[in-house]
Amino acid sequence: MGRDKVKKLAHQQARELGEALALAKLNSLGYAAYASPAGALGHDLMVVVDHGTLSIEVKTRQHINSESEISRWPVLMKTKGDADLFLFVALNITTMSPNTKRTYRAGSSGCGCWEVSD
């Protein structure tokens, strides 16, 4: 199947895949990380570190040909701004491979994200 036949995943499917890949990456790096229960209020992942537990909000965007197709990372800071970290996953749909972006503390500059209104 050529790139011209590949279609992006449904938003929910991409979100769940991004969260699963982020969790797998954290575990493979030796962190004790776990997913928040499905449908639970709060953040996507929790990770245990030396000084306690951090909440992580995972944001997944998908692209087909080039990561440059992703120009924005919308974040609703009103409901997600209290996360300890944001983890951005750029998902290549053609190869089904993620590129995990740097994590950022909530409210940090250079985040590449912006607040969206309701």
C-alpha atoms as a PDB file:
ATOM      1  CA  MET A   1       0.000   0.000   0.000  1.00  0.00           C
ATOM      2  CA  GLY A   2       1.505   3.334  -1.044  1.00  0.00           C
ATOM      3  CA  ARG A   3       1.577   6.509   0.995  1.00  0.00           C
ATOM      4  CA  ASP A   4      -1.245   7.947  -1.088  1.00  0.00           C
ATOM      5  CA  LYS A   5      -3.565   5.173   0.221  1.00  0.00           C
ATOM      6  CA  VAL A   6      -2.735   5.634   3.904  1.00  0.00           C
ATOM      7  CA  LYS A   7      -5.340   7.492   5.956  1.00  0.00           C
ATOM      8  CA  LYS A   8      -5.007   8.987   9.392  1.00  0.00           C
ATOM      9  CA  LEU A   9      -6.463   7.149  12.352  1.00  0.00           C
ATOM     10  CA  ALA A  10      -9.569   8.277  14.176  1.00  0.00           C
ATOM     11  CA  HIS A  11      -8.701  10.805  16.899  1.00  0.00           C
ATOM     12  CA  GLN A  12      -9.540   8.410  19.753  1.00  0.00           C
ATOM     13  CA  GLN A  13      -7.491   5.602  18.224  1.00  0.00           C
ATOM     14  CA  ALA A  14      -4.462   7.863  17.700  1.00  0.00           C
ATOM     15  CA  ARG A  15      -4.766   9.182  21.259  1.00  0.00           C
ATOM     16  CA  GLU A  16      -4.887   5.696  22.763  1.00  0.00           C
ATOM     17  CA  LEU A  17      -1.972   4.517  20.626  1.00  0.00           C
ATOM     18  CA  GLY A  18       0.115   7.559  21.574  1.00  0.00           C
ATOM     19  CA  GLU A  19      -0.543   6.974  25.267  1.00  0.00           C
ATOM     20  CA  ALA A  20       0.320   3.271  24.981  1.00  0.00           C
ATOM     21  CA  LEU A  21       3.566   4.042  23.140  1.00  0.00           C
ATOM     22  CA  ALA A  22       4.514   6.718  25.672  1.00  0.00           C
ATOM     23  CA  LEU A  23       3.862   4.295  28.536  1.00  0.00           C
ATOM     24  CA  ALA A  24       5.935   1.579  26.841  1.00  0.00           C
ATOM     25  CA  LYS A  25       8.792   4.039  26.279  1.00  0.00           C
ATOM     26  CA  LEU A  26       8.816   5.126  29.934  1.00  0.00           C
ATOM     27  CA  ASN A  27       8.768   1.503  31.123  1.00  0.00           C
ATOM     28  CA  SER A  28      11.558   0.558  28.690  1.00  0.00           C
ATOM     29  CA  LEU A  29      13.670   3.361  30.172  1.00  0.00           C
ATOM     30  CA  GLY A  30      13.278   1.768  33.586  1.00  0.00           C
ATOM     31  CA  TYR A  31      10.599   4.047  35.023  1.00  0.00           C
ATOM     32  CA  ALA A  32       7.706   2.656  37.026  1.00  0.00           C
ATOM     33  CA  ALA A  33       4.899   4.193  34.990  1.00  0.00           C
ATOM     34  CA  TYR A  34       1.241   3.347  34.684  1.00  0.00           C
ATOM     35  CA  ALA A  35      -1.813   4.561  32.790  1.00  0.00           C
ATOM     36  CA  SER A  36      -4.646   6.302  34.551  1.00  0.00           C
ATOM     37  CA  PRO A  37      -7.855   4.256  34.473  1.00  0.00           C
ATOM     38  CA  ALA A  38      -9.884   4.671  31.278  1.00  0.00           C
ATOM     39  CA  GLY A  39     -12.412   7.454  31.654  1.00  0.00           C
ATOM     40  CA  ALA A  40     -10.873   8.734  34.886  1.00  0.00           C
ATOM     41  CA  LEU A  41     -10.545  12.460  35.343  1.00  0.00           C
ATOM     42  CA  GLY A  42      -7.000  13.702  35.466  1.00  0.00           C
ATOM     43  CA  HIS A  43      -3.944  12.961  33.402  1.00  0.00           C
ATOM     44  CA  ASP A  44      -2.992  10.158  31.049  1.00  0.00           C
ATOM     45  CA  LEU A  45       0.039   8.635  32.761  1.00  0.00           C
ATOM     46  CA  MET A  46       1.691   8.593  36.151  1.00  0.00           C
ATOM     47  CA  VAL A  47       5.395   7.937  36.661  1.00  0.00           C
ATOM     48  CA  VAL A  48       7.220   7.233  39.902  1.00  0.00           C
ATOM     49  CA  VAL A  49      10.481   9.137  40.323  1.00  0.00           C
ATOM     50  CA  ASP A  50      12.886   9.571  43.247  1.00  0.00           C
ATOM     51  CA  HIS A  51      10.985  12.467  44.785  1.00  0.00           C
ATOM     52  CA  GLY A  52       7.440  11.136  44.281  1.00  0.00           C
ATOM     53  CA  THR A  53       4.926  10.657  41.493  1.00  0.00           C
ATOM     54  CA  LEU A  54       4.511  12.899  38.457  1.00  0.00           C
ATOM     55  CA  SER A  55       1.408  13.250  36.292  1.00  0.00           C
ATOM     56  CA  ILE A  56       1.927  13.251  32.537  1.00  0.00           C
ATOM     57  CA  GLU A  57      -0.418  14.566  29.892  1.00  0.00           C
ATOM     58  CA  VAL A  58       0.264  12.862  26.526  1.00  0.00           C
ATOM     59  CA  LYS A  59      -0.537  14.751  23.329  1.00  0.00           C
ATOM     60  CA  THR A  60      -0.467  12.761  20.091  1.00  0.00           C
ATOM     61  CA  ARG A  61      -0.521  14.145  16.579  1.00  0.00           C
ATOM     62  CA  GLN A  62      -0.242  12.025  13.458  1.00  0.00           C
ATOM     63  CA  HIS A  63       1.365  12.563  10.082  1.00  0.00           C
ATOM     64  CA  ILE A  64       1.686  10.608   6.839  1.00  0.00           C
ATOM     65  CA  ASN A  65       4.608  12.005   4.829  1.00  0.00           C
ATOM     66  CA  SER A  66       6.547  14.333   7.082  1.00  0.00           C
ATOM     67  CA  GLU A  67       6.560  15.456  10.682  1.00  0.00           C
ATOM     68  CA  SER A  68       6.350  19.008   9.333  1.00  0.00           C
ATOM     69  CA  GLU A  69       2.640  18.283   8.695  1.00  0.00           C
ATOM     70  CA  ILE A  70       2.236  18.798  12.446  1.00  0.00           C
ATOM     71  CA  SER A  71       2.262  22.523  13.043  1.00  0.00           C
ATOM     72  CA  ARG A  72       0.482  22.796  16.384  1.00  0.00           C
ATOM     73  CA  TRP A  73       0.010  20.962  19.666  1.00  0.00           C
ATOM     74  CA  PRO A  74      -3.252  22.258  21.141  1.00  0.00           C
ATOM     75  CA  VAL A  75      -3.533  22.055  24.915  1.00  0.00           C
ATOM     76  CA  LEU A  76      -6.569  23.088  26.936  1.00  0.00           C
ATOM     77  CA  MET A  77      -4.669  24.558  29.875  1.00  0.00           C
ATOM     78  CA  LYS A  78      -7.888  25.152  31.817  1.00  0.00           C
ATOM     79  CA  THR A  79      -8.269  21.402  32.349  1.00  0.00           C
ATOM     80  CA  LYS A  80      -4.763  20.052  31.663  1.00  0.00           C
ATOM     81  CA  GLY A  81      -2.495  22.809  32.972  1.00  0.00           C
ATOM     82  CA  ASP A  82      -1.918  21.182  36.342  1.00  0.00           C
ATOM     83  CA  ALA A  83      -0.057  18.233  34.779  1.00  0.00           C
ATOM     84  CA  ASP A  84       3.533  17.956  35.969  1.00  0.00           C
ATOM     85  CA  LEU A  85       4.779  17.152  32.457  1.00  0.00           C
ATOM     86  CA  PHE A  86       3.537  17.172  28.879  1.00  0.00           C
ATOM     87  CA  LEU A  87       4.824  14.478  26.523  1.00  0.00           C
ATOM     88  CA  PHE A  88       4.312  15.060  22.798  1.00  0.00           C
ATOM     89  CA  VAL A  89       4.155  12.065  20.434  1.00  0.00           C
ATOM     90  CA  ALA A  90       4.449  12.588  16.659  1.00  0.00           C
ATOM     91  CA  LEU A  91       3.047   9.388  15.160  1.00  0.00           C
ATOM     92  CA  ASN A  92       4.104   8.414  11.634  1.00  0.00           C
ATOM     93  CA  ILE A  93       1.028   6.608  10.304  1.00  0.00           C
ATOM     94  CA  THR A  94       2.894   5.196   7.295  1.00  0.00           C
ATOM     95  CA  THR A  95       5.473   3.338   9.378  1.00  0.00           C
ATOM     96  CA  MET A  96       3.473   3.261  12.641  1.00  0.00           C
ATOM     97  CA  SER A  97       6.512   4.587  14.460  1.00  0.00           C
ATOM     98  CA  PRO A  98       6.481   7.322  17.091  1.00  0.00           C
ATOM     99  CA  ASN A  99       8.852  10.181  17.585  1.00  0.00           C
ATOM    100  CA  THR A 100       8.514  11.183  21.209  1.00  0.00           C
ATOM    101  CA  LYS A 101       9.134  14.862  21.587  1.00  0.00           C
ATOM    102  CA  ARG A 102      10.737  16.390  24.629  1.00  0.00           C
ATOM    103  CA  THR A 103       8.627  16.619  27.712  1.00  0.00           C
ATOM    104  CA  TYR A 104       7.834  20.022  29.125  1.00  0.00           C
ATOM    105  CA  ARG A 105       6.725  21.169  32.527  1.00  0.00           C
ATOM    106  CA  ALA A 106       3.309  22.713  32.437  1.00  0.00           C
ATOM    107  CA  GLY A 107       3.523  26.414  31.705  1.00  0.00           C
ATOM    108  CA  SER A 108       7.123  26.310  30.480  1.00  0.00           C
ATOM    109  CA  SER A 109       8.183  28.484  27.590  1.00  0.00           C
ATOM    110  CA  GLY A 110       9.268  26.930  24.307  1.00  0.00           C
ATOM    111  CA  CYS A 111       6.554  24.310  24.697  1.00  0.00           C
ATOM    112  CA  GLY A 112       5.340  24.439  21.101  1.00  0.00           C
ATOM    113  CA  CYS A 113       1.826  24.357  22.484  1.00  0.00           C
ATOM    114  CA  TRP A 114      -0.687  27.056  23.160  1.00  0.00           C
ATOM    115  CA  GLU A 115      -3.800  27.425  25.205  1.00  0.00           C
ATOM    116  CA  VAL A 116      -7.045  26.799  23.360  1.00  0.00           C
ATOM    117  CA  SER A 117     -10.387  28.189  24.454  1.00  0.00           C
ATOM    118  CA  ASP A 118     -13.470  26.122  25.253  1.00  0.00           C
END
